[in-house]
Amino acid sequence: MLSKRQFFLLAILTVFWGLNWPVLKIGVRELPPVFFRLLCVVGGVILTGLYARVAGISLAVPARGWKRLFGLALPNLILWYLLGTYAISMIPSGRAAILGYTMPIWAALIGVVCFRERLDGRTWFGVLCALFGVVLLLAGEWQTLSGRPLGAGLMLLAAMSWGAGTHMMRRTRLDMNTTAISFWMLVMASVALALFSLAFEFDAWRMPVGTEWLPIAYNAIFVLGLCNIVWFSLVRSLPPVASGLSGMLIPVVGVFSSMVMLGEKPHWRDDIALVLILVSLATVMLRPRPPAQQKI
């Protein structure tokens, strides 16, 4: 049974991660998408580094650890940030949240294809529910062209990348504190984002002004700073059922907060897809299984 502290911290994660979907939408409206994300990640690097220093956590990288760190950063952060940021600039943030949190389904399929893991009938039912929900959302994009089908496709690719990254996180051995791993992954992501933005967005670069700093600060402080630290404090002891429930609630918070903050009005396809994907996540995540480290 979860303690009151664990319930409180899980609530923080769910609320801040869920609210971040409309916050991201606001940010990419004002600034070039990848440049906006770069500013957020740089802020996260600074805060994570400060936390490591205060907590006395070593940031030293062991011999031959850099290649493994980059192998983790590429699918978990770099591709997730690049693909997801462009996707959210094209489609409604609530829809992006639903598509982004199909990640556990893709992780299950990647496990079957690449690592010969076996899925039971319940999990296959969940996969089919998720795929049907995705088809509904893609059909809506093709029919209305509201965000261009490319946006939905990029968000799906981002979710697949994150799903592949979860397998790599579980299988990669690094003799480093989790916070140190997160710090260097964020550093690598910031370098990749900077190079990409320099190549494709440099003409549009400018310093944020006024309220444009708010979504950047929100991401740097709460999403990449506070929430990462909170997650790492729970990750080794959090029951799988609780983490699965938290993951399921995040797209729900994303959809409803987008309605309130941005005035988005979900189509009936979005409502059905959300229900299908929640059912799917329940079949994959809310089941008895041995405790295992999970990744955000």
Protein backbone atom coordinates (compact mmCIF):
# COMPACT_ATOMS: atom_id res chain seq x y z
CA MET A 1 0.00 0.00 0.00
CA LEU A 2 1.28 3.46 -0.86
CA SER A 3 2.18 5.87 1.90
CA LYS A 4 0.66 9.35 2.06
CA ARG A 5 3.98 10.75 0.85
CA GLN A 6 3.99 8.46 -2.20
CA PHE A 7 0.40 9.37 -3.05
CA PHE A 8 1.28 13.06 -2.78
CA LEU A 9 4.36 12.73 -4.99
CA LEU A 10 2.46 10.68 -7.57
CA ALA A 11 -0.20 13.39 -7.64
CA ILE A 12 2.51 16.00 -8.29
CA LEU A 13 3.87 13.97 -11.21
CA THR A 14 0.46 13.41 -12.76
CA VAL A 15 -0.63 17.04 -12.49
CA PHE A 16 2.60 18.66 -13.68
CA TRP A 17 3.21 16.23 -16.55
CA GLY A 18 -0.43 16.39 -17.62
CA LEU A 19 -0.57 20.19 -17.54
CA ASN A 20 2.62 20.36 -19.58
CA TRP A 21 0.85 19.38 -22.80
CA PRO A 22 -1.06 22.67 -23.19
CA VAL A 23 1.95 24.54 -21.78
CA LEU A 24 4.10 23.10 -24.57
CA LYS A 25 1.49 24.15 -27.11
CA ILE A 26 1.66 27.72 -25.82
CA GLY A 27 5.45 27.68 -25.97
CA VAL A 28 5.76 26.46 -29.56
CA ARG A 29 3.23 29.07 -30.70
CA GLU A 30 5.50 31.88 -29.55
CA LEU A 31 8.99 30.61 -30.46
CA PRO A 32 10.56 28.24 -33.02
CA PRO A 33 9.61 24.76 -31.68
CA VAL A 34 13.05 23.20 -31.22
CA PHE A 35 14.59 26.47 -29.97
CA PHE A 36 11.83 26.65 -27.35
CA ARG A 37 12.51 23.08 -26.29
CA LEU A 38 16.24 23.81 -26.20
CA LEU A 39 15.74 26.64 -23.71
CA CYS A 40 13.63 24.33 -21.52
CA VAL A 41 16.24 21.55 -21.58
CA VAL A 42 19.12 23.93 -20.80
CA GLY A 43 17.15 25.08 -17.75
CA GLY A 44 16.65 21.42 -16.78
CA VAL A 45 20.38 20.77 -17.10
CA ILE A 46 21.18 23.66 -14.76
CA LEU A 47 18.63 22.61 -12.14
CA THR A 48 19.57 18.90 -12.27
CA GLY A 49 23.24 19.81 -11.95
CA LEU A 50 22.53 22.04 -8.96
CA TYR A 51 20.48 19.30 -7.31
CA ALA A 52 23.31 16.78 -7.84
CA ARG A 53 25.79 19.19 -6.29
CA VAL A 54 23.62 19.93 -3.25
CA ALA A 55 22.85 16.22 -2.78
CA GLY A 56 26.50 15.26 -3.15
CA ILE A 57 25.86 13.09 -6.21
CA SER A 58 28.89 12.46 -8.40
CA LEU A 59 28.48 13.31 -12.08
CA ALA A 60 31.60 11.36 -13.09
CA VAL A 61 31.18 9.08 -16.11
CA PRO A 62 32.92 5.68 -15.98
CA ALA A 63 35.25 4.47 -18.71
CA ARG A 64 33.42 3.70 -21.95
CA GLY A 65 30.25 5.11 -20.41
CA TRP A 66 29.77 7.93 -22.92
CA LYS A 67 28.70 5.62 -25.75
CA ARG A 68 26.11 3.95 -23.52
CA LEU A 69 24.84 7.31 -22.31
CA PHE A 70 24.35 8.49 -25.90
CA GLY A 71 22.59 5.21 -26.72
CA LEU A 72 20.12 6.01 -23.93
CA ALA A 73 19.75 9.70 -24.71
CA LEU A 74 18.99 9.21 -28.42
CA PRO A 75 15.63 7.39 -28.13
CA ASN A 76 14.60 8.57 -24.67
CA LEU A 77 15.23 12.30 -25.02
CA ILE A 78 16.67 13.46 -28.34
CA LEU A 79 14.16 11.82 -30.70
CA TRP A 80 11.32 12.23 -28.21
CA TYR A 81 11.98 15.97 -27.95
CA LEU A 82 12.56 16.58 -31.67
CA LEU A 83 9.63 14.56 -32.98
CA GLY A 84 7.24 15.40 -30.16
CA THR A 85 7.95 19.12 -30.22
CA TYR A 86 7.25 19.43 -33.93
CA ALA A 87 4.17 17.22 -33.55
CA ILE A 88 2.63 19.38 -30.84
CA SER A 89 3.14 22.46 -33.01
CA MET A 90 0.91 20.81 -35.65
CA ILE A 91 -1.89 19.07 -33.74
CA PRO A 92 -4.06 19.86 -30.68
CA SER A 93 -2.19 19.29 -27.43
CA GLY A 94 -4.86 16.95 -26.05
CA ARG A 95 -4.55 14.73 -29.11
CA ALA A 96 -0.75 14.81 -28.81
CA ALA A 97 -1.04 13.66 -25.18
CA ILE A 98 -3.21 10.70 -26.17
CA LEU A 99 -0.83 9.65 -28.95
CA GLY A 100 2.29 10.23 -26.84
CA TYR A 101 1.08 7.94 -24.08
CA THR A 102 0.64 5.00 -26.42
CA MET A 103 4.31 4.45 -25.53
CA PRO A 104 3.74 1.34 -23.33
CA ILE A 105 1.95 -0.35 -26.23
CA TRP A 106 4.84 0.23 -28.62
CA ALA A 107 7.24 -0.90 -25.90
CA ALA A 108 5.30 -4.17 -25.68
CA LEU A 109 5.43 -4.70 -29.45
CA ILE A 110 9.14 -3.82 -29.61
CA GLY A 111 9.74 -6.39 -26.90
CA VAL A 112 8.07 -9.05 -29.05
CA VAL A 113 9.85 -8.13 -32.29
CA CYS A 114 13.33 -7.27 -31.02
CA PHE A 115 13.74 -9.19 -27.77
CA ARG A 116 11.47 -12.20 -28.35
CA GLU A 117 9.30 -11.41 -25.37
CA ARG A 118 5.94 -13.19 -25.22
CA LEU A 119 2.64 -11.39 -24.78
CA ASP A 120 -0.44 -13.03 -23.34
CA GLY A 121 -3.95 -12.66 -24.69
CA ARG A 122 -4.76 -9.78 -22.36
CA THR A 123 -1.82 -7.74 -23.62
CA TRP A 124 -2.65 -8.46 -27.27
CA PHE A 125 -6.19 -7.21 -26.57
CA GLY A 126 -4.66 -4.03 -25.17
CA VAL A 127 -2.47 -3.61 -28.23
CA LEU A 128 -5.48 -3.95 -30.54
CA CYS A 129 -7.44 -1.38 -28.50
CA ALA A 130 -4.57 1.09 -28.75
CA LEU A 131 -4.11 0.54 -32.48
CA PHE A 132 -7.82 1.09 -33.10
CA GLY A 133 -7.67 4.30 -31.07
CA VAL A 134 -4.67 5.46 -33.10
CA VAL A 135 -6.49 4.68 -36.36
CA LEU A 136 -9.43 6.82 -35.21
CA LEU A 137 -7.15 9.78 -34.50
CA LEU A 138 -5.26 9.41 -37.76
CA ALA A 139 -8.55 9.17 -39.67
CA GLY A 140 -9.62 12.44 -38.08
CA GLU A 141 -6.38 14.12 -39.14
CA TRP A 142 -6.72 12.92 -42.73
CA GLN A 143 -10.36 13.98 -42.89
CA THR A 144 -10.11 17.43 -41.31
CA LEU A 145 -6.44 18.21 -41.97
CA SER A 146 -6.72 20.22 -38.71
CA GLY A 147 -3.13 19.62 -37.78
CA ARG A 148 -1.95 17.81 -40.90
CA PRO A 149 -1.48 14.02 -40.69
CA LEU A 150 2.27 14.61 -40.39
CA GLY A 151 1.80 15.89 -36.83
CA ALA A 152 0.02 12.73 -35.68
CA GLY A 153 2.62 10.60 -37.43
CA LEU A 154 5.50 12.42 -35.75
CA MET A 155 3.87 12.00 -32.34
CA LEU A 156 3.50 8.27 -32.94
CA LEU A 157 7.16 8.02 -33.96
CA ALA A 158 8.09 9.89 -30.78
CA ALA A 159 6.08 7.41 -28.70
CA MET A 160 7.74 4.49 -30.49
CA SER A 161 11.16 5.99 -29.82
CA TRP A 162 10.35 6.37 -26.14
CA GLY A 163 9.09 2.78 -26.09
CA ALA A 164 12.39 1.56 -27.55
CA GLY A 165 14.23 3.71 -25.02
CA THR A 166 12.50 1.96 -22.11
CA HIS A 167 13.98 -1.35 -23.23
CA MET A 168 17.42 0.21 -23.52
CA MET A 169 17.12 1.75 -20.06
CA ARG A 170 16.28 -1.65 -18.62
CA ARG A 171 19.07 -3.47 -20.46
CA THR A 172 21.93 -0.95 -20.29
CA ARG A 173 24.29 -1.29 -17.35
CA LEU A 174 25.93 1.91 -16.11
CA ASP A 175 27.66 2.27 -12.77
CA MET A 176 26.18 5.72 -12.19
CA ASN A 177 23.55 7.35 -10.02
CA THR A 178 20.23 7.77 -11.85
CA THR A 179 20.36 11.54 -11.41
CA ALA A 180 23.82 11.62 -13.01
CA ILE A 181 22.53 9.58 -15.95
CA SER A 182 19.63 12.01 -16.33
CA PHE A 183 21.98 15.00 -16.18
CA TRP A 184 24.25 13.78 -18.97
CA MET A 185 21.31 12.65 -21.09
CA LEU A 186 19.88 16.16 -20.81
CA VAL A 187 23.27 17.63 -21.74
CA MET A 188 23.43 15.44 -24.85
CA ALA A 189 19.85 16.33 -25.73
CA SER A 190 20.61 20.05 -25.41
CA VAL A 191 23.59 19.72 -27.78
CA ALA A 192 21.50 17.82 -30.34
CA LEU A 193 18.62 20.30 -30.10
CA ALA A 194 21.04 23.23 -30.46
CA LEU A 195 22.63 21.76 -33.60
CA PHE A 196 19.24 20.99 -35.16
CA SER A 197 17.82 24.39 -34.34
CA LEU A 198 20.94 26.15 -35.63
CA ALA A 199 20.59 24.28 -38.92
CA PHE A 200 16.87 24.83 -39.47
CA GLU A 201 15.63 27.65 -37.22
CA PHE A 202 18.53 30.04 -36.74
CA ASP A 203 16.93 32.86 -38.78
CA ALA A 204 13.98 32.83 -36.37
CA TRP A 205 16.03 32.79 -33.15
CA ARG A 206 15.27 35.55 -30.65
CA MET A 207 15.22 35.91 -26.90
CA PRO A 208 11.83 35.34 -25.27
CA VAL A 209 10.09 38.40 -23.87
CA GLY A 210 7.56 38.88 -21.10
CA THR A 211 5.17 35.98 -20.60
CA GLU A 212 7.01 33.89 -23.21
CA TRP A 213 9.36 32.92 -20.38
CA LEU A 214 6.52 31.28 -18.42
CA PRO A 215 6.26 27.97 -20.38
CA ILE A 216 10.07 27.78 -20.46
CA ALA A 217 10.25 28.27 -16.70
CA TYR A 218 7.43 25.77 -16.15
CA ASN A 219 9.29 23.09 -18.12
CA ALA A 220 12.71 23.80 -16.65
CA ILE A 221 11.57 24.06 -13.02
CA PHE A 222 8.64 21.67 -12.73
CA VAL A 223 8.89 19.14 -15.58
CA LEU A 224 12.66 18.69 -16.01
CA GLY A 225 13.67 19.80 -12.54
CA LEU A 226 11.16 18.97 -9.80
CA CYS A 227 9.39 16.06 -11.50
CA ASN A 228 12.60 14.32 -12.52
CA ILE A 229 13.91 14.55 -8.96
CA VAL A 230 10.58 13.34 -7.53
CA TRP A 231 10.47 10.44 -9.99
CA PHE A 232 14.00 9.33 -9.19
CA SER A 233 13.16 9.34 -5.49
CA LEU A 234 10.26 6.94 -6.14
CA VAL A 235 11.46 4.82 -9.02
CA ARG A 236 13.10 2.07 -6.96
CA SER A 237 10.20 1.56 -4.55
CA LEU A 238 7.10 2.55 -6.53
CA PRO A 239 4.71 -0.37 -7.10
CA PRO A 240 4.12 -1.08 -10.80
CA VAL A 241 0.36 -0.67 -10.35
CA ALA A 242 0.82 2.83 -8.99
CA SER A 243 3.17 3.91 -11.76
CA GLY A 244 0.80 2.47 -14.34
CA LEU A 245 -2.13 4.38 -12.87
CA SER A 246 -0.10 7.60 -12.90
CA GLY A 247 0.81 7.05 -16.55
CA MET A 248 -2.84 6.46 -17.43
CA LEU A 249 -4.02 9.65 -15.78
CA ILE A 250 -1.49 11.93 -17.50
CA PRO A 251 -3.21 11.98 -20.95
CA VAL A 252 -6.55 12.51 -19.20
CA VAL A 253 -5.14 15.57 -17.42
CA GLY A 254 -3.59 16.65 -20.73
CA VAL A 255 -6.91 16.48 -22.59
CA PHE A 256 -8.96 18.32 -19.97
CA SER A 257 -6.32 20.94 -19.21
CA SER A 258 -6.09 21.65 -22.95
CA MET A 259 -9.85 22.22 -23.00
CA VAL A 260 -9.58 24.69 -20.11
CA MET A 261 -6.35 26.49 -21.05
CA LEU A 262 -6.58 26.50 -24.84
CA GLY A 263 -10.28 26.10 -25.50
CA GLU A 264 -9.71 22.88 -27.42
CA LYS A 265 -12.87 20.90 -28.10
CA PRO A 266 -12.15 17.19 -28.56
CA HIS A 267 -13.92 15.47 -31.44
CA TRP A 268 -15.90 12.31 -30.76
CA ARG A 269 -12.94 10.39 -32.22
CA ASP A 270 -10.69 11.84 -29.51
CA ASP A 271 -13.10 10.75 -26.77
CA ILE A 272 -13.35 7.19 -28.07
CA ALA A 273 -9.60 6.99 -28.71
CA LEU A 274 -8.87 8.18 -25.16
CA VAL A 275 -11.12 5.48 -23.69
CA LEU A 276 -9.59 2.80 -25.92
CA ILE A 277 -6.04 3.79 -25.03
CA LEU A 278 -6.86 3.93 -21.31
CA VAL A 279 -8.29 0.40 -21.58
CA SER A 280 -5.17 -0.60 -23.46
CA LEU A 281 -2.83 0.88 -20.85
CA ALA A 282 -4.81 -0.88 -18.12
CA THR A 283 -4.28 -4.27 -19.76
CA VAL A 284 -0.55 -3.65 -20.17
CA MET A 285 0.30 -1.85 -16.93
CA LEU A 286 -2.27 -2.65 -14.23
CA ARG A 287 -1.42 -6.26 -13.57
CA PRO A 288 0.51 -8.17 -10.93
CA ARG A 289 4.17 -8.42 -11.86
CA PRO A 290 7.56 -8.35 -10.16
CA PRO A 291 8.75 -4.86 -9.17
CA ALA A 292 10.98 -3.40 -11.88
CA GLN A 293 12.63 -0.07 -12.52
CA GLN A 294 10.63 2.08 -14.89
CA LYS A 295 11.48 5.12 -16.94
CA ILE A 296 9.77 8.39 -17.50
